[in-house]
Amino acid sequence: MSRFANLADKAPLMPVASAEIVQSQSQAQAQAQASPPSRIGRKAISGYFSQEMSLAMHLCARRRGISLQDLMAEAFNDVLRKHGESPIGK
């Protein structure tokens, strides 16, 4: 007789569906706690550009006293207008 034979007869402590719900809730809480409040409900957009483009964008943002993200939002809104779409904002 196995020393674990009695464990096989016992019901699990928590039904599987409940365990999955608890796990998904804890993952959502962990993600919410890991992200700064300014990023909640936002999605990152990234791309690879030349070093010259990166430097030019950073310098333009610094000269205007705004963040690179604000400058990129302005550029994306300009592109949307150019292509007949409504600008979204930040």
N, C-alpha and C. Protein backbone atom coordinates (compact mmCIF):
# COMPACT_ATOMS: atom_id res chain seq x y z
N MET A 1 0.84 -1.18 0.00
CA MET A 1 0.00 0.00 0.00
C MET A 1 0.88 1.25 0.00
N SER A 2 0.53 2.18 -0.89
CA SER A 2 1.28 3.41 -0.98
C SER A 2 0.96 4.31 0.20
N ARG A 3 1.93 5.05 0.62
CA ARG A 3 1.66 5.98 1.73
C ARG A 3 0.82 7.17 1.29
N PHE A 4 0.61 7.36 -0.05
CA PHE A 4 -0.23 8.44 -0.57
C PHE A 4 -1.62 7.95 -0.99
N ALA A 5 -1.96 6.72 -0.71
CA ALA A 5 -3.24 6.15 -1.14
C ALA A 5 -4.41 6.93 -0.57
N ASN A 6 -4.34 7.37 0.64
CA ASN A 6 -5.45 8.13 1.25
C ASN A 6 -5.64 9.50 0.60
N LEU A 7 -4.59 10.10 0.07
CA LEU A 7 -4.69 11.41 -0.57
C LEU A 7 -5.48 11.36 -1.88
N ALA A 8 -5.41 10.24 -2.58
CA ALA A 8 -6.12 10.11 -3.85
C ALA A 8 -7.63 10.10 -3.63
N ASP A 9 -8.10 9.66 -2.49
CA ASP A 9 -9.53 9.60 -2.21
C ASP A 9 -10.11 10.96 -1.82
N LYS A 10 -9.30 11.88 -1.41
CA LYS A 10 -9.80 13.18 -0.93
C LYS A 10 -10.10 14.11 -2.09
N ALA A 11 -11.15 14.89 -1.92
CA ALA A 11 -11.52 15.88 -2.93
C ALA A 11 -10.52 17.02 -2.87
N PRO A 12 -10.28 17.71 -4.02
CA PRO A 12 -9.39 18.86 -3.98
C PRO A 12 -9.97 19.95 -3.08
N LEU A 13 -9.10 20.74 -2.51
CA LEU A 13 -9.56 21.78 -1.59
C LEU A 13 -10.43 22.82 -2.28
N MET A 14 -10.12 23.14 -3.55
CA MET A 14 -10.85 24.17 -4.28
C MET A 14 -11.19 23.62 -5.67
N PRO A 15 -12.44 23.78 -6.14
CA PRO A 15 -12.75 23.34 -7.50
C PRO A 15 -11.83 24.03 -8.50
N VAL A 16 -11.59 23.35 -9.62
CA VAL A 16 -10.65 23.85 -10.61
C VAL A 16 -11.09 25.19 -11.16
N ALA A 17 -12.39 25.36 -11.46
CA ALA A 17 -12.88 26.62 -12.03
C ALA A 17 -12.63 27.78 -11.06
N SER A 18 -12.87 27.57 -9.79
CA SER A 18 -12.63 28.61 -8.80
C SER A 18 -11.16 28.95 -8.71
N ALA A 19 -10.32 27.94 -8.80
CA ALA A 19 -8.88 28.18 -8.74
C ALA A 19 -8.43 29.02 -9.93
N GLU A 20 -9.00 28.77 -11.12
CA GLU A 20 -8.63 29.55 -12.29
C GLU A 20 -9.08 31.00 -12.14
N ILE A 21 -10.27 31.21 -11.59
CA ILE A 21 -10.77 32.58 -11.39
C ILE A 21 -9.87 33.32 -10.42
N VAL A 22 -9.52 32.67 -9.32
CA VAL A 22 -8.65 33.30 -8.33
C VAL A 22 -7.30 33.63 -8.95
N GLN A 23 -6.78 32.72 -9.77
CA GLN A 23 -5.48 32.94 -10.40
C GLN A 23 -5.55 34.12 -11.38
N SER A 24 -6.62 34.20 -12.20
CA SER A 24 -6.72 35.31 -13.15
C SER A 24 -6.91 36.64 -12.43
N GLN A 25 -7.64 36.64 -11.31
CA GLN A 25 -7.81 37.87 -10.54
C GLN A 25 -6.48 38.32 -9.94
N SER A 26 -5.71 37.37 -9.43
CA SER A 26 -4.43 37.75 -8.84
C SER A 26 -3.46 38.24 -9.91
N GLN A 27 -3.52 37.66 -11.13
CA GLN A 27 -2.67 38.15 -12.21
C GLN A 27 -3.06 39.57 -12.61
N ALA A 28 -4.38 39.86 -12.68
CA ALA A 28 -4.84 41.20 -13.03
C ALA A 28 -4.40 42.20 -11.97
N GLN A 29 -4.48 41.82 -10.70
CA GLN A 29 -4.04 42.71 -9.63
C GLN A 29 -2.54 42.95 -9.71
N ALA A 30 -1.78 41.91 -10.02
CA ALA A 30 -0.33 42.05 -10.12
C ALA A 30 0.03 42.99 -11.27
N GLN A 31 -0.68 42.88 -12.41
CA GLN A 31 -0.40 43.76 -13.54
C GLN A 31 -0.77 45.20 -13.20
N ALA A 32 -1.90 45.39 -12.50
CA ALA A 32 -2.32 46.74 -12.13
C ALA A 32 -1.33 47.37 -11.17
N GLN A 33 -0.77 46.56 -10.26
CA GLN A 33 0.18 47.09 -9.30
C GLN A 33 1.54 47.35 -9.95
N ALA A 34 1.88 46.57 -10.98
CA ALA A 34 3.18 46.73 -11.63
C ALA A 34 3.22 47.96 -12.52
N SER A 35 2.09 48.37 -13.10
CA SER A 35 2.05 49.51 -14.00
C SER A 35 1.83 50.80 -13.22
N PRO A 36 2.56 51.85 -13.58
CA PRO A 36 2.28 53.14 -12.95
C PRO A 36 0.90 53.62 -13.36
N PRO A 37 0.26 54.43 -12.55
CA PRO A 37 -1.09 54.89 -12.86
C PRO A 37 -1.20 55.59 -14.21
N SER A 38 -0.12 56.25 -14.64
CA SER A 38 -0.17 56.95 -15.92
C SER A 38 -0.25 56.00 -17.11
N ARG A 39 0.04 54.72 -16.91
CA ARG A 39 0.02 53.75 -18.02
C ARG A 39 -1.23 52.89 -18.03
N ILE A 40 -2.04 52.97 -17.00
CA ILE A 40 -3.24 52.14 -16.94
C ILE A 40 -4.20 52.58 -18.03
N GLY A 41 -4.66 51.62 -18.82
CA GLY A 41 -5.59 51.88 -19.90
C GLY A 41 -4.92 52.39 -21.16
N ARG A 42 -3.59 52.36 -21.20
CA ARG A 42 -2.85 52.82 -22.37
C ARG A 42 -2.09 51.66 -22.98
N LYS A 43 -1.72 51.82 -24.24
CA LYS A 43 -1.02 50.78 -24.98
C LYS A 43 0.26 51.38 -25.54
N ALA A 44 1.37 50.66 -25.43
CA ALA A 44 2.64 51.13 -25.96
C ALA A 44 2.69 50.96 -27.47
N ILE A 45 3.22 51.96 -28.16
CA ILE A 45 3.49 51.90 -29.60
C ILE A 45 4.97 52.17 -29.76
N SER A 46 5.66 51.28 -30.45
CA SER A 46 7.10 51.47 -30.60
C SER A 46 7.53 51.18 -32.03
N GLY A 47 8.73 51.59 -32.37
CA GLY A 47 9.28 51.34 -33.70
C GLY A 47 10.77 51.54 -33.66
N TYR A 48 11.45 51.08 -34.69
CA TYR A 48 12.89 51.23 -34.80
C TYR A 48 13.21 52.28 -35.86
N PHE A 49 13.97 53.29 -35.46
CA PHE A 49 14.32 54.39 -36.35
C PHE A 49 15.82 54.60 -36.32
N SER A 50 16.32 55.41 -37.25
CA SER A 50 17.76 55.69 -37.29
C SER A 50 18.16 56.50 -36.05
N GLN A 51 19.47 56.50 -35.79
CA GLN A 51 19.97 57.28 -34.65
C GLN A 51 19.71 58.77 -34.86
N GLU A 52 19.79 59.19 -36.13
CA GLU A 52 19.56 60.61 -36.42
C GLU A 52 18.10 61.00 -36.11
N MET A 53 17.17 60.12 -36.48
CA MET A 53 15.75 60.40 -36.19
C MET A 53 15.52 60.44 -34.68
N SER A 54 16.10 59.49 -33.97
CA SER A 54 15.95 59.46 -32.51
C SER A 54 16.50 60.73 -31.88
N LEU A 55 17.69 61.13 -32.29
CA LEU A 55 18.30 62.34 -31.75
C LEU A 55 17.46 63.57 -32.08
N ALA A 56 17.00 63.65 -33.33
CA ALA A 56 16.19 64.81 -33.73
C ALA A 56 14.89 64.89 -32.93
N MET A 57 14.26 63.76 -32.69
CA MET A 57 13.00 63.77 -31.93
C MET A 57 13.25 64.16 -30.47
N HIS A 58 14.31 63.61 -29.89
CA HIS A 58 14.62 63.96 -28.50
C HIS A 58 14.97 65.45 -28.37
N LEU A 59 15.77 65.97 -29.30
CA LEU A 59 16.14 67.39 -29.25
C LEU A 59 14.93 68.28 -29.44
N CYS A 60 14.05 67.91 -30.37
CA CYS A 60 12.84 68.71 -30.61
C CYS A 60 11.97 68.74 -29.34
N ALA A 61 11.84 67.60 -28.71
CA ALA A 61 11.04 67.54 -27.48
C ALA A 61 11.65 68.40 -26.39
N ARG A 62 12.97 68.33 -26.25
CA ARG A 62 13.64 69.12 -25.19
C ARG A 62 13.55 70.61 -25.48
N ARG A 63 13.71 70.99 -26.75
CA ARG A 63 13.63 72.42 -27.08
C ARG A 63 12.24 72.98 -26.78
N ARG A 64 11.22 72.17 -27.00
CA ARG A 64 9.85 72.61 -26.75
C ARG A 64 9.44 72.41 -25.30
N GLY A 65 10.24 71.72 -24.52
CA GLY A 65 9.92 71.50 -23.11
C GLY A 65 8.80 70.51 -22.89
N ILE A 66 8.67 69.55 -23.79
CA ILE A 66 7.64 68.52 -23.64
C ILE A 66 8.31 67.16 -23.65
N SER A 67 7.56 66.15 -23.27
CA SER A 67 8.13 64.80 -23.26
C SER A 67 8.14 64.24 -24.68
N LEU A 68 8.98 63.25 -24.87
CA LEU A 68 9.03 62.57 -26.17
C LEU A 68 7.68 61.94 -26.48
N GLN A 69 7.03 61.43 -25.46
CA GLN A 69 5.70 60.81 -25.66
C GLN A 69 4.69 61.85 -26.15
N ASP A 70 4.71 63.04 -25.58
CA ASP A 70 3.79 64.09 -26.04
C ASP A 70 4.09 64.49 -27.48
N LEU A 71 5.39 64.56 -27.81
CA LEU A 71 5.78 64.90 -29.19
C LEU A 71 5.32 63.82 -30.16
N MET A 72 5.45 62.56 -29.76
CA MET A 72 5.00 61.45 -30.61
C MET A 72 3.48 61.48 -30.78
N ALA A 73 2.76 61.80 -29.72
CA ALA A 73 1.30 61.89 -29.83
C ALA A 73 0.91 62.98 -30.81
N GLU A 74 1.63 64.12 -30.76
CA GLU A 74 1.38 65.21 -31.70
C GLU A 74 1.64 64.75 -33.13
N ALA A 75 2.74 64.02 -33.33
CA ALA A 75 3.08 63.53 -34.67
C ALA A 75 2.03 62.52 -35.15
N PHE A 76 1.59 61.63 -34.28
CA PHE A 76 0.58 60.64 -34.68
C PHE A 76 -0.74 61.33 -35.03
N ASN A 77 -1.09 62.37 -34.27
CA ASN A 77 -2.32 63.11 -34.60
C ASN A 77 -2.20 63.81 -35.95
N ASP A 78 -1.00 64.34 -36.26
CA ASP A 78 -0.78 64.97 -37.57
C ASP A 78 -0.93 63.94 -38.69
N VAL A 79 -0.42 62.74 -38.47
CA VAL A 79 -0.55 61.68 -39.48
C VAL A 79 -2.02 61.31 -39.66
N LEU A 80 -2.75 61.21 -38.55
CA LEU A 80 -4.17 60.88 -38.66
C LEU A 80 -4.91 61.95 -39.46
N ARG A 81 -4.63 63.23 -39.19
CA ARG A 81 -5.26 64.32 -39.95
C ARG A 81 -4.90 64.23 -41.43
N LYS A 82 -3.63 63.97 -41.72
CA LYS A 82 -3.15 63.88 -43.09
C LYS A 82 -3.91 62.80 -43.87
N HIS A 83 -4.27 61.73 -43.20
CA HIS A 83 -4.94 60.62 -43.86
C HIS A 83 -6.45 60.65 -43.66
N GLY A 84 -6.98 61.82 -43.26
CA GLY A 84 -8.43 61.99 -43.18
C GLY A 84 -9.09 61.38 -41.96
N GLU A 85 -8.31 61.07 -40.94
CA GLU A 85 -8.86 60.50 -39.70
C GLU A 85 -8.92 61.58 -38.64
N SER A 86 -9.77 61.40 -37.66
CA SER A 86 -9.86 62.35 -36.56
C SER A 86 -8.71 62.15 -35.60
N PRO A 87 -8.08 63.23 -35.15
CA PRO A 87 -7.01 63.07 -34.14
C PRO A 87 -7.60 62.55 -32.84
N ILE A 88 -6.82 61.78 -32.14
CA ILE A 88 -7.29 61.13 -30.92
C ILE A 88 -6.88 61.92 -29.69
N GLY A 89 -5.74 62.57 -29.74
CA GLY A 89 -5.22 63.25 -28.55
C GLY A 89 -4.07 62.46 -28.00
N LYS A 90 -3.85 62.57 -26.71
CA LYS A 90 -2.72 61.86 -26.08
C LYS A 90 -3.03 60.41 -25.87
